[in-house]
Amino acid sequence: METFNLRNGRKLVVEHCDFAESPREWDNLTKCIFFGNYKHIGDKHDFDFDTQFDSRQDFIDRGEDIIKKHFDAVLVKAVHLYEHSGTSISTNYGYPYDCRWDSGTIGFVIITKEDLRTNFKWKVITQKRLDSVMDNLNSVMDSEIDTLSDYVGGEIYQFSIEDENGNEEDSCGGFYGSDISKNGILDYVDAEDRELVLEQI
């Protein structure tokens, strides 16, 4: 729990939220196709590989191609998990997600042609259209995995604002990510109080 001083003796209290829903329940652009013990944290699917993989890298390389063809995807990224004093996932295959002992690749995040037709109202998908949105698609893909990582790692928060007597003025939960300057909590305080909180971080 963290407490920040506001104007007029009021306080902003931030603590973990235990009752948030999985972001995979939201209206996402991507689909998370995970396997094994982590299948449940992604989207529901019945797909399984009918081949064996020689290594983690083989799973990443050939698995990506198989997933792309099976789901008619335009963009596929491997998703890696790191588990050591906490759990997080990422599309980044650098440290610590390439750690030999505490990491693994749990599946793939994809954007399908059907997803694009639905979200962009496209009847025909051309390379020119894809090129025009590819940077945005990559950003959305990484962002949705980052939010899911916050959920998996328990990095979800709630706040309350207390007056000078400790009485609750306002409260809300379901903020993903530990950085209150980015997770939306400070949208609930006015500009002057926001500056006070930022000075205390």
Protein backbone atom coordinates (compact mmCIF):
# COMPACT_ATOMS: atom_id res chain seq x y z
CA MET A 1 0.00 0.00 0.00
CA GLU A 2 1.21 3.50 -0.85
CA THR A 3 -0.13 6.77 0.51
CA PHE A 4 0.30 10.16 -1.15
CA ASN A 5 -0.50 13.52 0.38
CA LEU A 6 -3.02 15.73 -1.41
CA ARG A 7 -4.15 19.30 -0.72
CA ASN A 8 -6.09 20.24 2.42
CA GLY A 9 -4.92 17.24 4.43
CA ARG A 10 -6.45 14.70 2.06
CA LYS A 11 -4.70 11.48 1.05
CA LEU A 12 -4.55 9.19 -1.99
CA VAL A 13 -4.21 5.55 -0.94
CA VAL A 14 -3.12 3.02 -3.60
CA GLU A 15 -3.15 -0.74 -3.00
CA HIS A 16 -3.45 -4.04 -4.82
CA CYS A 17 -6.82 -4.95 -6.31
CA ASP A 18 -7.78 -8.61 -5.93
CA PHE A 19 -10.98 -8.67 -7.96
CA ALA A 20 -9.99 -7.55 -11.47
CA GLU A 21 -11.03 -9.48 -14.56
CA SER A 22 -8.66 -10.93 -17.12
CA PRO A 23 -8.03 -8.47 -19.95
CA ARG A 24 -8.72 -11.35 -22.33
CA GLU A 25 -12.37 -10.79 -21.46
CA TRP A 26 -12.17 -7.37 -23.12
CA ASP A 27 -12.76 -6.47 -26.75
CA ASN A 28 -9.21 -7.17 -27.96
CA LEU A 29 -7.76 -6.94 -31.44
CA THR A 30 -5.40 -9.86 -30.83
CA LYS A 31 -5.85 -13.50 -29.93
CA CYS A 32 -3.55 -15.27 -27.48
CA ILE A 33 -2.91 -18.88 -28.46
CA PHE A 34 -1.14 -20.41 -25.48
CA PHE A 35 -0.36 -24.02 -24.60
CA GLY A 36 0.36 -26.34 -21.69
CA ASN A 37 -0.02 -25.05 -18.16
CA TYR A 38 -0.57 -21.51 -19.43
CA LYS A 39 -3.30 -22.19 -21.97
CA HIS A 40 -5.94 -20.85 -19.57
CA ILE A 41 -4.50 -17.33 -19.39
CA GLY A 42 -4.95 -16.81 -23.14
CA ASP A 43 -7.99 -17.07 -25.37
CA LYS A 44 -9.99 -20.27 -25.67
CA HIS A 45 -8.97 -22.46 -28.61
CA ASP A 46 -8.92 -26.11 -29.64
CA PHE A 47 -5.76 -26.03 -31.71
CA ASP A 48 -2.84 -28.33 -30.97
CA PHE A 49 0.34 -29.06 -32.88
CA ASP A 50 0.57 -32.41 -34.65
CA THR A 51 4.36 -32.29 -34.69
CA GLN A 52 7.21 -32.43 -32.21
CA PHE A 53 9.73 -29.63 -31.79
CA ASP A 54 13.46 -30.16 -31.31
CA SER A 55 14.06 -27.09 -29.16
CA ARG A 56 12.57 -23.88 -27.87
CA GLN A 57 13.91 -22.03 -30.90
CA ASP A 58 12.39 -24.64 -33.20
CA PHE A 59 9.04 -24.13 -31.48
CA ILE A 60 9.32 -20.37 -31.98
CA ASP A 61 10.34 -20.59 -35.64
CA ARG A 62 8.22 -23.45 -36.98
CA GLY A 63 5.40 -22.87 -34.53
CA GLU A 64 4.99 -19.32 -35.78
CA ASP A 65 4.65 -20.54 -39.38
CA ILE A 66 2.15 -23.24 -38.43
CA ILE A 67 0.06 -20.85 -36.35
CA LYS A 68 0.08 -18.24 -39.12
CA LYS A 69 -1.24 -20.70 -41.68
CA HIS A 70 -3.79 -22.36 -39.40
CA PHE A 71 -5.37 -19.14 -38.14
CA ASP A 72 -4.91 -17.15 -41.37
CA ALA A 73 -2.96 -14.56 -39.41
CA VAL A 74 -1.25 -11.46 -40.78
CA LEU A 75 0.94 -10.97 -37.71
CA VAL A 76 2.32 -13.53 -35.25
CA LYS A 77 4.67 -13.09 -32.32
CA ALA A 78 5.94 -15.64 -29.83
CA VAL A 79 5.06 -14.94 -26.20
CA HIS A 80 7.63 -15.71 -23.52
CA LEU A 81 7.19 -16.16 -19.78
CA TYR A 82 9.63 -15.39 -16.98
CA GLU A 83 8.93 -16.83 -13.56
CA HIS A 84 11.22 -15.91 -10.69
CA SER A 85 9.88 -14.17 -7.58
CA GLY A 86 6.88 -13.29 -9.72
CA THR A 87 5.51 -13.97 -13.18
CA SER A 88 5.52 -11.85 -16.31
CA ILE A 89 5.10 -12.38 -20.04
CA SER A 90 6.41 -10.50 -23.06
CA THR A 91 6.90 -10.59 -26.81
CA ASN A 92 10.50 -9.53 -26.15
CA TYR A 93 12.92 -12.44 -26.41
CA GLY A 94 15.73 -10.59 -24.64
CA TYR A 95 16.72 -10.90 -20.99
CA PRO A 96 15.14 -12.14 -18.79
CA TYR A 97 12.75 -13.86 -21.19
CA ASP A 98 15.58 -15.84 -22.75
CA CYS A 99 16.84 -17.06 -19.36
CA ARG A 100 17.78 -20.71 -19.60
CA TRP A 101 16.36 -21.68 -16.22
CA ASP A 102 13.40 -19.44 -15.41
CA SER A 103 11.79 -18.70 -18.76
CA GLY A 104 9.95 -20.43 -21.57
CA THR A 105 7.83 -19.77 -24.63
CA ILE A 106 4.15 -20.38 -23.86
CA GLY A 107 2.55 -19.69 -27.24
CA PHE A 108 1.78 -16.94 -29.68
CA VAL A 109 -0.18 -13.72 -29.98
CA ILE A 110 -1.78 -13.20 -33.36
CA ILE A 111 -3.87 -10.82 -35.43
CA THR A 112 -5.93 -12.57 -38.09
CA LYS A 113 -7.32 -11.33 -41.36
CA GLU A 114 -10.79 -11.74 -39.90
CA ASP A 115 -9.80 -9.52 -36.96
CA LEU A 116 -8.77 -6.81 -39.41
CA ARG A 117 -11.94 -7.12 -41.46
CA THR A 118 -14.01 -6.76 -38.29
CA ASN A 119 -12.07 -3.92 -36.68
CA PHE A 120 -11.23 -1.86 -39.75
CA LYS A 121 -14.39 -2.67 -41.75
CA TRP A 122 -12.25 -3.88 -44.65
CA LYS A 123 -13.79 -6.14 -47.27
CA VAL A 124 -10.48 -6.62 -49.06
CA ILE A 125 -7.09 -6.74 -47.34
CA THR A 126 -4.33 -5.41 -49.58
CA GLN A 127 -0.62 -5.12 -48.89
CA LYS A 128 -0.92 -1.34 -49.09
CA ARG A 129 -3.54 -1.36 -46.34
CA LEU A 130 -1.43 -3.70 -44.22
CA ASP A 131 1.65 -1.52 -44.63
CA SER A 132 -0.32 1.53 -43.53
CA VAL A 133 -1.30 -0.02 -40.18
CA MET A 134 1.57 -2.44 -39.47
CA ASP A 135 3.34 -0.19 -36.93
CA ASN A 136 0.05 0.32 -35.11
CA LEU A 137 -0.70 -3.42 -35.15
CA ASN A 138 2.70 -4.19 -33.63
CA SER A 139 2.13 -1.60 -30.90
CA VAL A 140 -1.33 -2.94 -30.11
CA MET A 141 -0.01 -6.49 -29.97
CA ASP A 142 2.76 -5.58 -27.52
CA SER A 143 0.42 -3.42 -25.44
CA GLU A 144 -2.20 -6.15 -25.06
CA ILE A 145 0.48 -8.62 -23.94
CA ASP A 146 1.88 -6.07 -21.47
CA THR A 147 -1.59 -5.63 -19.97
CA LEU A 148 -2.04 -9.39 -19.73
CA SER A 149 1.37 -9.56 -18.05
CA ASP A 150 0.16 -7.10 -15.42
CA TYR A 151 -2.83 -9.36 -14.79
CA VAL A 152 -0.75 -12.56 -14.62
CA GLY A 153 1.75 -10.92 -12.29
CA GLY A 154 -0.89 -9.41 -10.00
CA GLU A 155 0.04 -5.84 -10.93
CA ILE A 156 -3.52 -4.51 -10.65
CA TYR A 157 -4.39 -1.65 -8.33
CA GLN A 158 -7.20 0.29 -6.70
CA PHE A 159 -7.29 3.65 -4.99
CA SER A 160 -9.24 5.58 -2.42
CA ILE A 161 -9.18 9.30 -1.63
CA GLU A 162 -9.61 10.15 2.05
CA ASP A 163 -10.45 13.54 3.52
CA GLU A 164 -8.56 15.09 6.43
CA ASN A 165 -10.61 12.96 8.86
CA GLY A 166 -9.94 9.67 7.09
CA ASN A 167 -13.40 9.48 5.50
CA GLU A 168 -13.51 8.07 1.99
CA GLU A 169 -14.38 10.61 -0.71
CA ASP A 170 -13.86 8.43 -3.79
CA SER A 171 -12.55 5.01 -4.78
CA CYS A 172 -12.12 2.84 -7.85
CA GLY A 173 -10.24 -0.33 -8.86
CA GLY A 174 -9.03 -2.24 -11.88
CA PHE A 175 -5.95 -0.24 -12.87
CA TYR A 176 -3.36 -2.36 -14.67
CA GLY A 177 0.33 -1.65 -14.08
CA SER A 178 2.24 -0.39 -11.06
CA ASP A 179 3.13 3.05 -12.45
CA ILE A 180 0.34 5.34 -11.25
CA SER A 181 1.52 8.06 -13.61
CA LYS A 182 0.49 5.78 -16.50
CA ASN A 183 -2.17 3.35 -15.22
CA GLY A 184 -5.03 5.87 -15.07
CA ILE A 185 -5.35 6.45 -11.33
CA LEU A 186 -4.20 10.06 -11.58
CA ASP A 187 -7.05 10.78 -14.00
CA TYR A 188 -9.27 10.76 -10.89
CA VAL A 189 -7.53 13.66 -9.16
CA ASP A 190 -7.40 17.27 -10.29
CA ALA A 191 -4.34 18.91 -11.85
CA GLU A 192 -2.96 20.41 -8.65
CA ASP A 193 -3.24 17.17 -6.69
CA ARG A 194 -1.76 15.28 -9.64
CA GLU A 195 1.34 17.45 -9.51
CA LEU A 196 1.63 16.87 -5.76
CA VAL A 197 1.50 13.08 -6.27
CA LEU A 198 4.07 13.15 -9.06
CA GLU A 199 6.46 15.02 -6.79
CA GLN A 200 6.16 12.19 -4.24
CA ILE A 201 6.83 9.32 -6.62
